[in-house]
């Protein structure tokens, strides 16, 4: 009986992290919502502080990747009721190529 309650509680807690819920949140996310949430703002500032002070290229690349992915999903992915066509996937492909090129440049070429 205890295991069943624990399993139900775990499912309830993890329900907001389903892929559909995360994609819906990222598509409807605005910069104002991010900057007004104290936990997100504190995390970004701490990572940026350590990335700049320690000159950690990996932390700064992580911040760039996360920001670029959020922007790419926000602008390139169609709404849930729209179909995925070739013209809507072109910005997604282009954004992915730009992110990949930046990662390759900073991790392999510049180092």
C-alpha atoms as a PDB file:
ATOM      1  CA  UNK A   1       0.000   0.000   0.000  1.00  0.00           C
ATOM      2  CA  UNK A   2       2.838   2.376   0.807  1.00  0.00           C
ATOM      3  CA  UNK A   3       4.543   1.737  -2.531  1.00  0.00           C
ATOM      4  CA  UNK A   4       1.362   2.541  -4.437  1.00  0.00           C
ATOM      5  CA  UNK A   5       0.926   5.857  -2.629  1.00  0.00           C
ATOM      6  CA  UNK A   6       4.562   6.718  -3.221  1.00  0.00           C
ATOM      7  CA  UNK A   7       4.213   5.873  -6.912  1.00  0.00           C
ATOM      8  CA  UNK A   8       1.060   7.999  -7.265  1.00  0.00           C
ATOM      9  CA  UNK A   9       2.717  10.909  -5.471  1.00  0.00           C
ATOM     10  CA  UNK A  10       5.774  10.630  -7.740  1.00  0.00           C
ATOM     11  CA  UNK A  11       3.587  10.633 -10.853  1.00  0.00           C
ATOM     12  CA  UNK A  12       1.729  13.691  -9.564  1.00  0.00           C
ATOM     13  CA  UNK A  13       4.969  15.555  -8.838  1.00  0.00           C
ATOM     14  CA  UNK A  14       6.572  14.679 -12.194  1.00  0.00           C
ATOM     15  CA  UNK A  15       3.465  15.385 -14.307  1.00  0.00           C
ATOM     16  CA  UNK A  16       4.473  19.016 -15.118  1.00  0.00           C
ATOM     17  CA  UNK A  17       7.769  17.730 -16.565  1.00  0.00           C
ATOM     18  CA  UNK A  18       6.138  15.728 -19.365  1.00  0.00           C
ATOM     19  CA  UNK A  19       7.440  16.604 -22.821  1.00  0.00           C
ATOM     20  CA  UNK A  20       4.160  18.150 -23.983  1.00  0.00           C
ATOM     21  CA  UNK A  21       3.960  20.382 -20.902  1.00  0.00           C
ATOM     22  CA  UNK A  22       7.606  21.467 -21.189  1.00  0.00           C
ATOM     23  CA  UNK A  23       7.257  22.273 -24.915  1.00  0.00           C
ATOM     24  CA  UNK A  24       4.047  24.227 -24.271  1.00  0.00           C
ATOM     25  CA  UNK A  25       5.760  26.205 -21.519  1.00  0.00           C
ATOM     26  CA  UNK A  26       8.828  26.985 -23.639  1.00  0.00           C
ATOM     27  CA  UNK A  27       6.702  28.025 -26.630  1.00  0.00           C
ATOM     28  CA  UNK A  28       4.675  30.435 -24.499  1.00  0.00           C
ATOM     29  CA  UNK A  29       7.626  31.671 -22.448  1.00  0.00           C
ATOM     30  CA  UNK A  30       8.508  35.343 -22.603  1.00  0.00           C
ATOM     31  CA  UNK A  31      11.647  37.120 -21.477  1.00  0.00           C
ATOM     32  CA  UNK A  32       9.615  39.057 -18.927  1.00  0.00           C
ATOM     33  CA  UNK A  33       8.402  35.819 -17.324  1.00  0.00           C
ATOM     34  CA  UNK A  34      11.956  34.505 -17.079  1.00  0.00           C
ATOM     35  CA  UNK A  35      13.379  37.671 -15.604  1.00  0.00           C
ATOM     36  CA  UNK A  36      10.593  38.020 -13.041  1.00  0.00           C
ATOM     37  CA  UNK A  37      10.977  34.476 -11.707  1.00  0.00           C
ATOM     38  CA  UNK A  38      13.498  34.738  -8.852  1.00  0.00           C
ATOM     39  CA  UNK A  39      14.819  31.167  -9.057  1.00  0.00           C
ATOM     40  CA  UNK A  40      15.512  31.367 -12.800  1.00  0.00           C
ATOM     41  CA  UNK A  41      17.115  34.780 -12.438  1.00  0.00           C
ATOM     42  CA  UNK A  42      19.320  33.666  -9.535  1.00  0.00           C
ATOM     43  CA  UNK A  43      20.433  30.550 -11.412  1.00  0.00           C
ATOM     44  CA  UNK A  44      21.306  32.526 -14.537  1.00  0.00           C
ATOM     45  CA  UNK A  45      23.197  35.141 -12.535  1.00  0.00           C
ATOM     46  CA  UNK A  46      25.179  32.552 -10.552  1.00  0.00           C
ATOM     47  CA  UNK A  47      26.123  30.664 -13.722  1.00  0.00           C
ATOM     48  CA  UNK A  48      27.059  33.895 -15.480  1.00  0.00           C
ATOM     49  CA  UNK A  49      29.115  35.039 -12.477  1.00  0.00           C
ATOM     50  CA  UNK A  50      31.083  31.797 -12.298  1.00  0.00           C
ATOM     51  CA  UNK A  51      31.445  31.690 -16.066  1.00  0.00           C
ATOM     52  CA  UNK A  52      32.918  35.182 -16.233  1.00  0.00           C
ATOM     53  CA  UNK A  53      34.974  35.146 -13.027  1.00  0.00           C
ATOM     54  CA  UNK A  54      36.422  31.661 -13.535  1.00  0.00           C
ATOM     55  CA  UNK A  55      36.589  32.188 -17.310  1.00  0.00           C
ATOM     56  CA  UNK A  56      34.892  28.855 -17.765  1.00  0.00           C
ATOM     57  CA  UNK A  57      34.194  28.328 -21.415  1.00  0.00           C
ATOM     58  CA  UNK A  58      31.951  25.334 -20.755  1.00  0.00           C
ATOM     59  CA  UNK A  59      29.614  27.270 -18.446  1.00  0.00           C
ATOM     60  CA  UNK A  60      29.330  30.147 -20.890  1.00  0.00           C
ATOM     61  CA  UNK A  61      28.669  27.700 -23.740  1.00  0.00           C
ATOM     62  CA  UNK A  62      25.979  26.032 -21.612  1.00  0.00           C
ATOM     63  CA  UNK A  63      24.274  29.385 -21.050  1.00  0.00           C
ATOM     64  CA  UNK A  64      24.457  30.135 -24.772  1.00  0.00           C
ATOM     65  CA  UNK A  65      23.043  26.721 -25.693  1.00  0.00           C
ATOM     66  CA  UNK A  66      20.135  26.984 -23.248  1.00  0.00           C
ATOM     67  CA  UNK A  67      19.287  30.516 -24.355  1.00  0.00           C
ATOM     68  CA  UNK A  68      19.527  29.636 -28.039  1.00  0.00           C
ATOM     69  CA  UNK A  69      17.410  26.490 -27.636  1.00  0.00           C
ATOM     70  CA  UNK A  70      14.687  28.384 -25.787  1.00  0.00           C
ATOM     71  CA  UNK A  71      14.691  31.107 -28.455  1.00  0.00           C
ATOM     72  CA  UNK A  72      14.695  28.541 -31.258  1.00  0.00           C
ATOM     73  CA  UNK A  73      11.782  26.565 -29.829  1.00  0.00           C
ATOM     74  CA  UNK A  74       9.870  29.758 -29.072  1.00  0.00           C
ATOM     75  CA  UNK A  75      10.201  31.167 -32.585  1.00  0.00           C
ATOM     76  CA  UNK A  76      10.559  28.106 -34.822  1.00  0.00           C
ATOM     77  CA  UNK A  77       8.151  25.489 -33.467  1.00  0.00           C
ATOM     78  CA  UNK A  78       4.567  25.856 -34.684  1.00  0.00           C
ATOM     79  CA  UNK A  79       1.630  26.039 -32.317  1.00  0.00           C
ATOM     80  CA  UNK A  80       0.091  22.784 -31.138  1.00  0.00           C
ATOM     81  CA  UNK A  81      -2.849  23.027 -33.567  1.00  0.00           C
ATOM     82  CA  UNK A  82      -0.676  23.852 -36.620  1.00  0.00           C
ATOM     83  CA  UNK A  83       0.962  21.228 -38.766  1.00  0.00           C
ATOM     84  CA  UNK A  84       4.715  20.877 -39.144  1.00  0.00           C
ATOM     85  CA  UNK A  85       5.689  21.833 -42.698  1.00  0.00           C
ATOM     86  CA  UNK A  86       8.987  22.368 -44.474  1.00  0.00           C
ATOM     87  CA  UNK A  87       8.806  26.153 -44.161  1.00  0.00           C
ATOM     88  CA  UNK A  88       8.353  25.913 -40.393  1.00  0.00           C
ATOM     89  CA  UNK A  89      11.274  23.511 -39.998  1.00  0.00           C
ATOM     90  CA  UNK A  90      13.767  25.706 -41.887  1.00  0.00           C
ATOM     91  CA  UNK A  91      14.332  28.122 -38.944  1.00  0.00           C
ATOM     92  CA  UNK A  92      14.670  25.108 -36.632  1.00  0.00           C
ATOM     93  CA  UNK A  93      17.287  23.536 -38.923  1.00  0.00           C
ATOM     94  CA  UNK A  94      19.127  26.849 -39.316  1.00  0.00           C
ATOM     95  CA  UNK A  95      19.138  27.486 -35.587  1.00  0.00           C
ATOM     96  CA  UNK A  96      20.417  23.997 -34.897  1.00  0.00           C
ATOM     97  CA  UNK A  97      23.229  24.475 -37.408  1.00  0.00           C
ATOM     98  CA  UNK A  98      24.211  27.809 -35.850  1.00  0.00           C
ATOM     99  CA  UNK A  99      24.264  26.301 -32.344  1.00  0.00           C
ATOM    100  CA  UNK A 100      26.277  23.332 -33.582  1.00  0.00           C
ATOM    101  CA  UNK A 101      28.787  25.533 -35.402  1.00  0.00           C
ATOM    102  CA  UNK A 102      29.322  27.717 -32.327  1.00  0.00           C
ATOM    103  CA  UNK A 103      29.871  24.641 -30.141  1.00  0.00           C
ATOM    104  CA  UNK A 104      32.311  23.109 -32.612  1.00  0.00           C
ATOM    105  CA  UNK A 105      34.189  26.383 -33.023  1.00  0.00           C
ATOM    106  CA  UNK A 106      34.656  27.044 -29.307  1.00  0.00           C
ATOM    107  CA  UNK A 107      35.330  23.463 -28.232  1.00  0.00           C
ATOM    108  CA  UNK A 108      37.503  22.199 -31.089  1.00  0.00           C
ATOM    109  CA  UNK A 109      38.880  25.055 -33.190  1.00  0.00           C
ATOM    110  CA  UNK A 110      39.512  27.830 -30.684  1.00  0.00           C
ATOM    111  CA  UNK A 111      40.887  25.581 -27.945  1.00  0.00           C
END
